[in-house]
PDB file of all heavy atoms in Angstrom:
ATOM      1  N   ALA A   1       0.402  -5.716   1.315  1.00  0.00           N
ATOM      2  CA  ALA A   1      -0.867  -5.343   1.945  1.00  0.00           C
ATOM      3  C   ALA A   1      -1.658  -4.397   1.046  1.00  0.00           C
ATOM      4  O   ALA A   1      -2.874  -4.552   0.873  1.00  0.00           O
ATOM      5  CB  ALA A   1      -0.608  -4.710   3.303  1.00  0.00           C
ATOM      6  N   GLY A   2      -0.976  -3.415   0.468  1.00  0.00           N
ATOM      7  CA  GLY A   2      -1.645  -2.490  -0.443  1.00  0.00           C
ATOM      8  C   GLY A   2      -2.154  -3.190  -1.685  1.00  0.00           C
ATOM      9  O   GLY A   2      -3.272  -2.929  -2.158  1.00  0.00           O
ATOM     10  N   TYR A   3      -1.354  -4.098  -2.201  1.00  0.00           N
ATOM     11  CA  TYR A   3      -1.736  -4.843  -3.402  1.00  0.00           C
ATOM     12  C   TYR A   3      -2.977  -5.686  -3.133  1.00  0.00           C
ATOM     13  O   TYR A   3      -3.947  -5.651  -3.884  1.00  0.00           O
ATOM     14  CB  TYR A   3      -0.567  -5.723  -3.852  1.00  0.00           C
ATOM     15  CG  TYR A   3      -0.779  -6.358  -5.200  1.00  0.00           C
ATOM     16  CD1 TYR A   3      -0.418  -5.679  -6.362  1.00  0.00           C
ATOM     17  CD2 TYR A   3      -1.348  -7.618  -5.326  1.00  0.00           C
ATOM     18  CE1 TYR A   3      -0.612  -6.258  -7.604  1.00  0.00           C
ATOM     19  CE2 TYR A   3      -1.548  -8.200  -6.568  1.00  0.00           C
ATOM     20  CZ  TYR A   3      -1.177  -7.508  -7.709  1.00  0.00           C
ATOM     21  OH  TYR A   3      -1.391  -8.079  -8.939  1.00  0.00           O
ATOM     22  N   LEU A   4      -2.953  -6.436  -2.036  1.00  0.00           N
ATOM     23  CA  LEU A   4      -4.083  -7.308  -1.723  1.00  0.00           C
ATOM     24  C   LEU A   4      -5.345  -6.519  -1.407  1.00  0.00           C
ATOM     25  O   LEU A   4      -6.447  -6.895  -1.829  1.00  0.00           O
ATOM     26  CB  LEU A   4      -3.727  -8.233  -0.562  1.00  0.00           C
ATOM     27  CG  LEU A   4      -2.657  -9.286  -0.858  1.00  0.00           C
ATOM     28  CD1 LEU A   4      -2.295 -10.052   0.404  1.00  0.00           C
ATOM     29  CD2 LEU A   4      -3.109 -10.226  -1.964  1.00  0.00           C
ATOM     30  N   SER A   5      -5.206  -5.397  -0.689  1.00  0.00           N
ATOM     31  CA  SER A   5      -6.395  -4.601  -0.369  1.00  0.00           C
ATOM     32  C   SER A   5      -7.022  -4.029  -1.632  1.00  0.00           C
ATOM     33  O   SER A   5      -8.243  -3.986  -1.760  1.00  0.00           O
ATOM     34  CB  SER A   5      -6.058  -3.490   0.624  1.00  0.00           C
ATOM     35  OG  SER A   5      -5.293  -2.459   0.026  1.00  0.00           O
ATOM     36  N   ALA A   6      -6.193  -3.628  -2.588  1.00  0.00           N
ATOM     37  CA  ALA A   6      -6.714  -3.106  -3.851  1.00  0.00           C
ATOM     38  C   ALA A   6      -7.375  -4.205  -4.673  1.00  0.00           C
ATOM     39  O   ALA A   6      -8.412  -3.980  -5.309  1.00  0.00           O
ATOM     40  CB  ALA A   6      -5.593  -2.441  -4.644  1.00  0.00           C
ATOM     41  N   MET A   7      -6.785  -5.393  -4.643  1.00  0.00           N
ATOM     42  CA  MET A   7      -7.400  -6.516  -5.359  1.00  0.00           C
ATOM     43  C   MET A   7      -8.763  -6.853  -4.774  1.00  0.00           C
ATOM     44  O   MET A   7      -9.710  -7.137  -5.507  1.00  0.00           O
ATOM     45  CB  MET A   7      -6.489  -7.743  -5.321  1.00  0.00           C
ATOM     46  CG  MET A   7      -5.289  -7.618  -6.234  1.00  0.00           C
ATOM     47  SD  MET A   7      -4.378  -9.160  -6.345  1.00  0.00           S
ATOM     48  CE  MET A   7      -5.550 -10.198  -7.197  1.00  0.00           C
ATOM     49  N   LEU A   8      -8.878  -6.814  -3.445  1.00  0.00           N
ATOM     50  CA  LEU A   8     -10.162  -7.109  -2.803  1.00  0.00           C
ATOM     51  C   LEU A   8     -11.230  -6.067  -3.153  1.00  0.00           C
ATOM     52  O   LEU A   8     -12.416  -6.353  -3.092  1.00  0.00           O
ATOM     53  CB  LEU A   8      -9.984  -7.195  -1.279  1.00  0.00           C
ATOM     54  CG  LEU A   8      -9.227  -8.417  -0.791  1.00  0.00           C
ATOM     55  CD1 LEU A   8      -8.924  -8.301   0.696  1.00  0.00           C
ATOM     56  CD2 LEU A   8     -10.010  -9.691  -1.090  1.00  0.00           C
ATOM     57  N   GLU A   9     -10.777  -4.860  -3.508  1.00  0.00           N
ATOM     58  CA  GLU A   9     -11.706  -3.806  -3.933  1.00  0.00           C
ATOM     59  C   GLU A   9     -11.936  -3.852  -5.445  1.00  0.00           C
ATOM     60  O   GLU A   9     -12.608  -2.980  -5.986  1.00  0.00           O
ATOM     61  CB  GLU A   9     -11.180  -2.441  -3.519  1.00  0.00           C
ATOM     62  CG  GLU A   9     -11.199  -2.229  -2.022  1.00  0.00           C
ATOM     63  CD  GLU A   9     -10.692  -0.854  -1.626  1.00  0.00           C
ATOM     64  OE1 GLU A   9     -10.786   0.091  -2.448  1.00  0.00           O
ATOM     65  OE2 GLU A   9     -10.196  -0.735  -0.499  1.00  0.00           O
ATOM     66  N   HIS A  10     -11.333  -4.821  -6.115  1.00  0.00           N
ATOM     67  CA  HIS A  10     -11.474  -5.007  -7.565  1.00  0.00           C
ATOM     68  C   HIS A  10     -11.007  -3.784  -8.354  1.00  0.00           C
ATOM     69  O   HIS A  10     -11.608  -3.421  -9.365  1.00  0.00           O
ATOM     70  CB  HIS A  10     -12.920  -5.366  -7.931  1.00  0.00           C
ATOM     71  CG  HIS A  10     -13.424  -6.563  -7.200  1.00  0.00           C
ATOM     72  ND1 HIS A  10     -13.005  -7.839  -7.498  1.00  0.00           N
ATOM     73  CD2 HIS A  10     -14.277  -6.673  -6.161  1.00  0.00           C
ATOM     74  CE1 HIS A  10     -13.593  -8.692  -6.678  1.00  0.00           C
ATOM     75  NE2 HIS A  10     -14.360  -8.015  -5.854  1.00  0.00           N
ATOM     76  N   LEU A  11      -9.913  -3.164  -7.890  1.00  0.00           N
ATOM     77  CA  LEU A  11      -9.331  -2.049  -8.632  1.00  0.00           C
ATOM     78  C   LEU A  11      -8.607  -2.586  -9.861  1.00  0.00           C
ATOM     79  O   LEU A  11      -8.258  -3.760  -9.928  1.00  0.00           O
ATOM     80  CB  LEU A  11      -8.367  -1.262  -7.739  1.00  0.00           C
ATOM     81  CG  LEU A  11      -8.964  -0.639  -6.473  1.00  0.00           C
ATOM     82  CD1 LEU A  11      -7.890   0.146  -5.723  1.00  0.00           C
ATOM     83  CD2 LEU A  11     -10.143   0.253  -6.803  1.00  0.00           C
ATOM     84  N   SER A  12      -8.374  -1.724 -10.822  1.00  0.00           N
ATOM     85  CA  SER A  12      -7.645  -2.135 -12.024  1.00  0.00           C
ATOM     86  C   SER A  12      -6.212  -2.494 -11.646  1.00  0.00           C
ATOM     87  O   SER A  12      -5.725  -2.130 -10.570  1.00  0.00           O
ATOM     88  CB  SER A  12      -7.634  -0.998 -13.047  1.00  0.00           C
ATOM     89  OG  SER A  12      -6.805   0.067 -12.588  1.00  0.00           O
ATOM     90  N   ALA A  13      -5.526  -3.170 -12.557  1.00  0.00           N
ATOM     91  CA  ALA A  13      -4.129  -3.545 -12.309  1.00  0.00           C
ATOM     92  C   ALA A  13      -3.271  -2.309 -12.064  1.00  0.00           C
ATOM     93  O   ALA A  13      -2.418  -2.298 -11.174  1.00  0.00           O
ATOM     94  CB  ALA A  13      -3.583  -4.361 -13.475  1.00  0.00           C
ATOM     95  N   GLU A  14      -3.518  -1.245 -12.810  1.00  0.00           N
ATOM     96  CA  GLU A  14      -2.746  -0.006 -12.650  1.00  0.00           C
ATOM     97  C   GLU A  14      -3.016   0.629 -11.290  1.00  0.00           C
ATOM     98  O   GLU A  14      -2.094   1.074 -10.599  1.00  0.00           O
ATOM     99  CB  GLU A  14      -3.065   0.989 -13.770  1.00  0.00           C
ATOM    100  CG  GLU A  14      -2.556   0.579 -15.132  1.00  0.00           C
ATOM    101  CD  GLU A  14      -3.433  -0.461 -15.840  1.00  0.00           C
ATOM    102  OE1 GLU A  14      -4.566  -0.755 -15.370  1.00  0.00           O
ATOM    103  OE2 GLU A  14      -2.985  -0.998 -16.868  1.00  0.00           O
ATOM    104  N   GLU A  15      -4.297   0.675 -10.879  1.00  0.00           N
ATOM    105  CA  GLU A  15      -4.646   1.248  -9.576  1.00  0.00           C
ATOM    106  C   GLU A  15      -4.108   0.382  -8.443  1.00  0.00           C
ATOM    107  O   GLU A  15      -3.679   0.899  -7.409  1.00  0.00           O
ATOM    108  CB  GLU A  15      -6.162   1.388  -9.450  1.00  0.00           C
ATOM    109  CG  GLU A  15      -6.754   2.425 -10.383  1.00  0.00           C
ATOM    110  CD  GLU A  15      -8.276   2.336 -10.451  1.00  0.00           C
ATOM    111  OE1 GLU A  15      -8.819   1.212 -10.518  1.00  0.00           O
ATOM    112  OE2 GLU A  15      -8.910   3.395 -10.427  1.00  0.00           O
ATOM    113  N   THR A  16      -4.119  -0.916  -8.647  1.00  0.00           N
ATOM    114  CA  THR A  16      -3.594  -1.837  -7.645  1.00  0.00           C
ATOM    115  C   THR A  16      -2.110  -1.607  -7.438  1.00  0.00           C
ATOM    116  O   THR A  16      -1.630  -1.519  -6.301  1.00  0.00           O
ATOM    117  CB  THR A  16      -3.875  -3.290  -8.067  1.00  0.00           C
ATOM    118  OG1 THR A  16      -5.293  -3.471  -8.131  1.00  0.00           O
ATOM    119  CG2 THR A  16      -3.282  -4.288  -7.097  1.00  0.00           C
ATOM    120  N   LEU A  17      -1.366  -1.473  -8.527  1.00  0.00           N
ATOM    121  CA  LEU A  17       0.067  -1.205  -8.413  1.00  0.00           C
ATOM    122  C   LEU A  17       0.331   0.153  -7.791  1.00  0.00           C
ATOM    123  O   LEU A  17       1.262   0.310  -7.001  1.00  0.00           O
ATOM    124  CB  LEU A  17       0.734  -1.287  -9.782  1.00  0.00           C
ATOM    125  CG  LEU A  17       0.965  -2.690 -10.311  1.00  0.00           C
ATOM    126  CD1 LEU A  17       1.543  -2.631 -11.715  1.00  0.00           C
ATOM    127  CD2 LEU A  17       1.877  -3.477  -9.393  1.00  0.00           C
ATOM    128  N   ARG A  18      -0.469   1.141  -8.133  1.00  0.00           N
ATOM    129  CA  ARG A  18      -0.293   2.485  -7.560  1.00  0.00           C
ATOM    130  C   ARG A  18      -0.449   2.425  -6.043  1.00  0.00           C
ATOM    131  O   ARG A  18       0.356   2.982  -5.306  1.00  0.00           O
ATOM    132  CB  ARG A  18      -1.286   3.462  -8.171  1.00  0.00           C
ATOM    133  CG  ARG A  18      -1.072   4.885  -7.728  1.00  0.00           C
ATOM    134  CD  ARG A  18      -1.878   5.853  -8.591  1.00  0.00           C
ATOM    135  NE  ARG A  18      -1.477   7.209  -8.314  1.00  0.00           N
ATOM    136  CZ  ARG A  18      -2.250   8.089  -7.666  1.00  0.00           C
ATOM    137  NH1 ARG A  18      -3.458   7.756  -7.276  1.00  0.00           N
ATOM    138  NH2 ARG A  18      -1.805   9.319  -7.432  1.00  0.00           N
ATOM    139  N   ARG A  19      -1.496   1.733  -5.572  1.00  0.00           N
ATOM    140  CA  ARG A  19      -1.702   1.622  -4.129  1.00  0.00           C
ATOM    141  C   ARG A  19      -0.565   0.834  -3.482  1.00  0.00           C
ATOM    142  O   ARG A  19      -0.034   1.225  -2.441  1.00  0.00           O
ATOM    143  CB  ARG A  19      -3.027   0.957  -3.806  1.00  0.00           C
ATOM    144  CG  ARG A  19      -3.226   0.812  -2.297  1.00  0.00           C
ATOM    145  CD  ARG A  19      -4.510   0.159  -1.926  1.00  0.00           C
ATOM    146  NE  ARG A  19      -5.638   1.029  -2.202  1.00  0.00           N
ATOM    147  CZ  ARG A  19      -6.888   0.697  -1.919  1.00  0.00           C
ATOM    148  NH1 ARG A  19      -7.174  -0.481  -1.374  1.00  0.00           N
ATOM    149  NH2 ARG A  19      -7.883   1.528  -2.196  1.00  0.00           N
ATOM    150  N   ALA A  20      -0.180  -0.272  -4.085  1.00  0.00           N
ATOM    151  CA  ALA A  20       0.889  -1.097  -3.519  1.00  0.00           C
ATOM    152  C   ALA A  20       2.197  -0.317  -3.433  1.00  0.00           C
ATOM    153  O   ALA A  20       2.869  -0.327  -2.394  1.00  0.00           O
ATOM    154  CB  ALA A  20       1.070  -2.351  -4.369  1.00  0.00           C
ATOM    155  N   ASN A  21       2.553   0.372  -4.502  1.00  0.00           N
ATOM    156  CA  ASN A  21       3.783   1.162  -4.505  1.00  0.00           C
ATOM    157  C   ASN A  21       3.726   2.276  -3.472  1.00  0.00           C
ATOM    158  O   ASN A  21       4.720   2.555  -2.790  1.00  0.00           O
ATOM    159  CB  ASN A  21       4.049   1.738  -5.898  1.00  0.00           C
ATOM    160  CG  ASN A  21       4.533   0.696  -6.868  1.00  0.00           C
ATOM    161  OD1 ASN A  21       5.170  -0.274  -6.490  1.00  0.00           O
ATOM    162  ND2 ASN A  21       4.215   0.877  -8.140  1.00  0.00           N
ATOM    163  N   ALA A  22       2.573   2.916  -3.340  1.00  0.00           N
ATOM    164  CA  ALA A  22       2.421   3.989  -2.353  1.00  0.00           C
ATOM    165  C   ALA A  22       2.562   3.439  -0.939  1.00  0.00           C
ATOM    166  O   ALA A  22       3.237   4.041  -0.095  1.00  0.00           O
ATOM    167  CB  ALA A  22       1.078   4.684  -2.536  1.00  0.00           C
ATOM    168  N   CYS A  23       1.951   2.300  -0.654  1.00  0.00           N
ATOM    169  CA  CYS A  23       2.065   1.699   0.679  1.00  0.00           C
ATOM    170  C   CYS A  23       3.517   1.368   1.005  1.00  0.00           C
ATOM    171  O   CYS A  23       3.990   1.620   2.112  1.00  0.00           O
ATOM    172  CB  CYS A  23       1.197   0.451   0.784  1.00  0.00           C
ATOM    173  SG  CYS A  23      -0.565   0.787   0.926  1.00  0.00           S
ATOM    174  N   GLY A  24       4.230   0.816   0.044  1.00  0.00           N
ATOM    175  CA  GLY A  24       5.640   0.513   0.254  1.00  0.00           C
ATOM    176  C   GLY A  24       6.458   1.767   0.497  1.00  0.00           C
ATOM    177  O   GLY A  24       7.336   1.788   1.370  1.00  0.00           O
ATOM    178  N   ALA A  25       6.167   2.826  -0.234  1.00  0.00           N
ATOM    179  CA  ALA A  25       6.898   4.083  -0.070  1.00  0.00           C
ATOM    180  C   ALA A  25       6.623   4.702   1.297  1.00  0.00           C
ATOM    181  O   ALA A  25       7.546   5.137   1.997  1.00  0.00           O
ATOM    182  CB  ALA A  25       6.522   5.057  -1.181  1.00  0.00           C
ATOM    183  N   VAL A  26       5.359   4.744   1.689  1.00  0.00           N
ATOM    184  CA  VAL A  26       4.992   5.340   2.980  1.00  0.00           C
ATOM    185  C   VAL A  26       5.632   4.562   4.127  1.00  0.00           C
ATOM    186  O   VAL A  26       6.068   5.147   5.125  1.00  0.00           O
ATOM    187  CB  VAL A  26       3.453   5.418   3.143  1.00  0.00           C
ATOM    188  CG1 VAL A  26       3.069   5.810   4.559  1.00  0.00           C
ATOM    189  CG2 VAL A  26       2.869   6.407   2.142  1.00  0.00           C
ATOM    190  N   ALA A  27       5.740   3.254   3.992  1.00  0.00           N
ATOM    191  CA  ALA A  27       6.355   2.433   5.035  1.00  0.00           C
ATOM    192  C   ALA A  27       7.803   2.814   5.291  1.00  0.00           C
ATOM    193  O   ALA A  27       8.337   2.563   6.370  1.00  0.00           O
ATOM    194  CB  ALA A  27       6.261   0.954   4.672  1.00  0.00           C
ATOM    195  N   CYS A  28       8.447   3.441   4.322  1.00  0.00           N
ATOM    196  CA  CYS A  28       9.851   3.841   4.453  1.00  0.00           C
ATOM    197  C   CYS A  28      10.037   5.173   5.173  1.00  0.00           C
ATOM    198  O   CYS A  28      11.162   5.605   5.391  1.00  0.00           O
ATOM    199  CB  CYS A  28      10.491   3.940   3.065  1.00  0.00           C
ATOM    200  SG  CYS A  28      10.621   2.369   2.209  1.00  0.00           S
ATOM    201  N   LEU A  29       8.936   5.823   5.554  1.00  0.00           N
ATOM    202  CA  LEU A  29       9.019   7.165   6.134  1.00  0.00           C
ATOM    203  C   LEU A  29       9.294   7.188   7.632  1.00  0.00           C
ATOM    204  O   LEU A  29       9.495   8.257   8.197  1.00  0.00           O
ATOM    205  CB  LEU A  29       7.726   7.941   5.840  1.00  0.00           C
ATOM    206  CG  LEU A  29       7.455   8.219   4.363  1.00  0.00           C
ATOM    207  CD1 LEU A  29       6.096   8.890   4.198  1.00  0.00           C
ATOM    208  CD2 LEU A  29       8.559   9.069   3.759  1.00  0.00           C
ATOM    209  N   ALA A  30       9.281   6.036   8.285  1.00  0.00           N
ATOM    210  CA  ALA A  30       9.532   5.982   9.732  1.00  0.00           C
ATOM    211  C   ALA A  30      10.323   4.723  10.052  1.00  0.00           C
ATOM    212  O   ALA A  30      10.241   3.740   9.320  1.00  0.00           O
ATOM    213  CB  ALA A  30       8.203   5.980  10.491  1.00  0.00           C
ATOM    214  N   PRO A  31      11.071   4.747  11.154  1.00  0.00           N
ATOM    215  CA  PRO A  31      11.797   3.539  11.536  1.00  0.00           C
ATOM    216  C   PRO A  31      10.843   2.463  12.032  1.00  0.00           C
ATOM    217  O   PRO A  31       9.787   2.764  12.599  1.00  0.00           O
ATOM    218  CB  PRO A  31      12.726   4.020  12.651  1.00  0.00           C
ATOM    219  CG  PRO A  31      12.107   5.265  13.174  1.00  0.00           C
ATOM    220  CD  PRO A  31      11.332   5.863  12.038  1.00  0.00           C
ATOM    221  N   GLY A  32      11.194   1.226  11.780  1.00  0.00           N
ATOM    222  CA  GLY A  32      10.384   0.107  12.234  1.00  0.00           C
ATOM    223  C   GLY A  32       9.660  -0.551  11.088  1.00  0.00           C
ATOM    224  O   GLY A  32       9.626  -0.043   9.975  1.00  0.00           O
ATOM    225  N   ASP A  33       9.070  -1.697  11.388  1.00  0.00           N
ATOM    226  CA  ASP A  33       8.454  -2.460  10.305  1.00  0.00           C
ATOM    227  C   ASP A  33       6.977  -2.185  10.104  1.00  0.00           C
ATOM    228  O   ASP A  33       6.425  -2.553   9.072  1.00  0.00           O
ATOM    229  CB  ASP A  33       8.704  -3.953  10.487  1.00  0.00           C
ATOM    230  CG  ASP A  33       8.144  -4.491  11.790  1.00  0.00           C
ATOM    231  OD1 ASP A  33       7.705  -3.705  12.634  1.00  0.00           O
ATOM    232  OD2 ASP A  33       8.156  -5.715  11.945  1.00  0.00           O
ATOM    233  N   TRP A  34       6.289  -1.539  11.038  1.00  0.00           N
ATOM    234  CA  TRP A  34       4.856  -1.277  10.869  1.00  0.00           C
ATOM    235  C   TRP A  34       4.464   0.145  11.260  1.00  0.00           C
ATOM    236  O   TRP A  34       3.350   0.587  10.987  1.00  0.00           O
ATOM    237  CB  TRP A  34       4.033  -2.259  11.709  1.00  0.00           C
ATOM    238  CG  TRP A  34       4.325  -2.141  13.180  1.00  0.00           C
ATOM    239  CD1 TRP A  34       5.243  -2.863  13.876  1.00  0.00           C
ATOM    240  CD2 TRP A  34       3.739  -1.234  14.107  1.00  0.00           C
ATOM    241  NE1 TRP A  34       5.261  -2.453  15.192  1.00  0.00           N
ATOM    242  CE2 TRP A  34       4.343  -1.451  15.357  1.00  0.00           C
ATOM    243  CE3 TRP A  34       2.775  -0.245  14.003  1.00  0.00           C
ATOM    244  CZ2 TRP A  34       4.014  -0.721  16.496  1.00  0.00           C
ATOM    245  CZ3 TRP A  34       2.441   0.479  15.148  1.00  0.00           C
ATOM    246  CH2 TRP A  34       3.056   0.230  16.373  1.00  0.00           C
ATOM    247  N   GLU A  35       5.365   0.890  11.873  1.00  0.00           N
ATOM    248  CA  GLU A  35       5.030   2.191  12.438  1.00  0.00           C
ATOM    249  C   GLU A  35       4.469   3.192  11.427  1.00  0.00           C
ATOM    250  O   GLU A  35       3.645   4.036  11.771  1.00  0.00           O
ATOM    251  CB  GLU A  35       6.249   2.792  13.154  1.00  0.00           C
ATOM    252  CG  GLU A  35       6.561   2.114  14.471  1.00  0.00           C
ATOM    253  CD  GLU A  35       7.264   0.773  14.356  1.00  0.00           C
ATOM    254  OE1 GLU A  35       7.577   0.323  13.239  1.00  0.00           O
ATOM    255  OE2 GLU A  35       7.504   0.155  15.405  1.00  0.00           O
ATOM    256  N   ALA A  36       4.878   3.119  10.183  1.00  0.00           N
ATOM    257  CA  ALA A  36       4.381   4.053   9.171  1.00  0.00           C
ATOM    258  C   ALA A  36       3.319   3.437   8.269  1.00  0.00           C
ATOM    259  O   ALA A  36       2.919   4.046   7.283  1.00  0.00           O
ATOM    260  CB  ALA A  36       5.542   4.578   8.315  1.00  0.00           C
ATOM    261  N   ALA A  37       2.839   2.236   8.602  1.00  0.00           N
ATOM    262  CA  ALA A  37       1.796   1.611   7.780  1.00  0.00           C
ATOM    263  C   ALA A  37       0.599   2.565   7.720  1.00  0.00           C
ATOM    264  O   ALA A  37       0.050   2.937   8.750  1.00  0.00           O
ATOM    265  CB  ALA A  37       1.394   0.265   8.366  1.00  0.00           C
ATOM    266  N   PRO A  38       0.213   2.982   6.523  1.00  0.00           N
ATOM    267  CA  PRO A  38      -0.813   4.026   6.424  1.00  0.00           C
ATOM    268  C   PRO A  38      -2.238   3.498   6.541  1.00  0.00           C
ATOM    269  O   PRO A  38      -2.543   2.378   6.133  1.00  0.00           O
ATOM    270  CB  PRO A  38      -0.591   4.590   5.014  1.00  0.00           C
ATOM    271  CG  PRO A  38      -0.080   3.417   4.231  1.00  0.00           C
ATOM    272  CD  PRO A  38       0.767   2.637   5.215  1.00  0.00           C
ATOM    273  N   THR A  39      -3.092   4.344   7.098  1.00  0.00           N
ATOM    274  CA  THR A  39      -4.525   4.102   7.002  1.00  0.00           C
ATOM    275  C   THR A  39      -4.934   4.489   5.584  1.00  0.00           C
ATOM    276  O   THR A  39      -4.151   5.111   4.840  1.00  0.00           O
ATOM    277  CB  THR A  39      -5.314   4.961   8.000  1.00  0.00           C
ATOM    278  OG1 THR A  39      -5.121   6.345   7.653  1.00  0.00           O
ATOM    279  CG2 THR A  39      -4.861   4.701   9.440  1.00  0.00           C
ATOM    280  N   LEU A  40      -6.150   4.175   5.197  1.00  0.00           N
ATOM    281  CA  LEU A  40      -6.604   4.552   3.863  1.00  0.00           C
ATOM    282  C   LEU A  40      -6.599   6.071   3.700  1.00  0.00           C
ATOM    283  O   LEU A  40      -6.204   6.589   2.660  1.00  0.00           O
ATOM    284  CB  LEU A  40      -8.002   3.981   3.581  1.00  0.00           C
ATOM    285  CG  LEU A  40      -8.504   4.116   2.155  1.00  0.00           C
ATOM    286  CD1 LEU A  40      -7.504   3.561   1.146  1.00  0.00           C
ATOM    287  CD2 LEU A  40      -9.847   3.413   2.000  1.00  0.00           C
TER     288      LEU A  40
END
């Protein structure tokens, strides 16, 4: 989700990966599959 949202904003490959990695990391902060999905 982070990767695709960054691509839709035409971010650089590095910025896209940074957002994607951050989204994946934040998702690990709470139990469940969507509960920690971050807002922008």
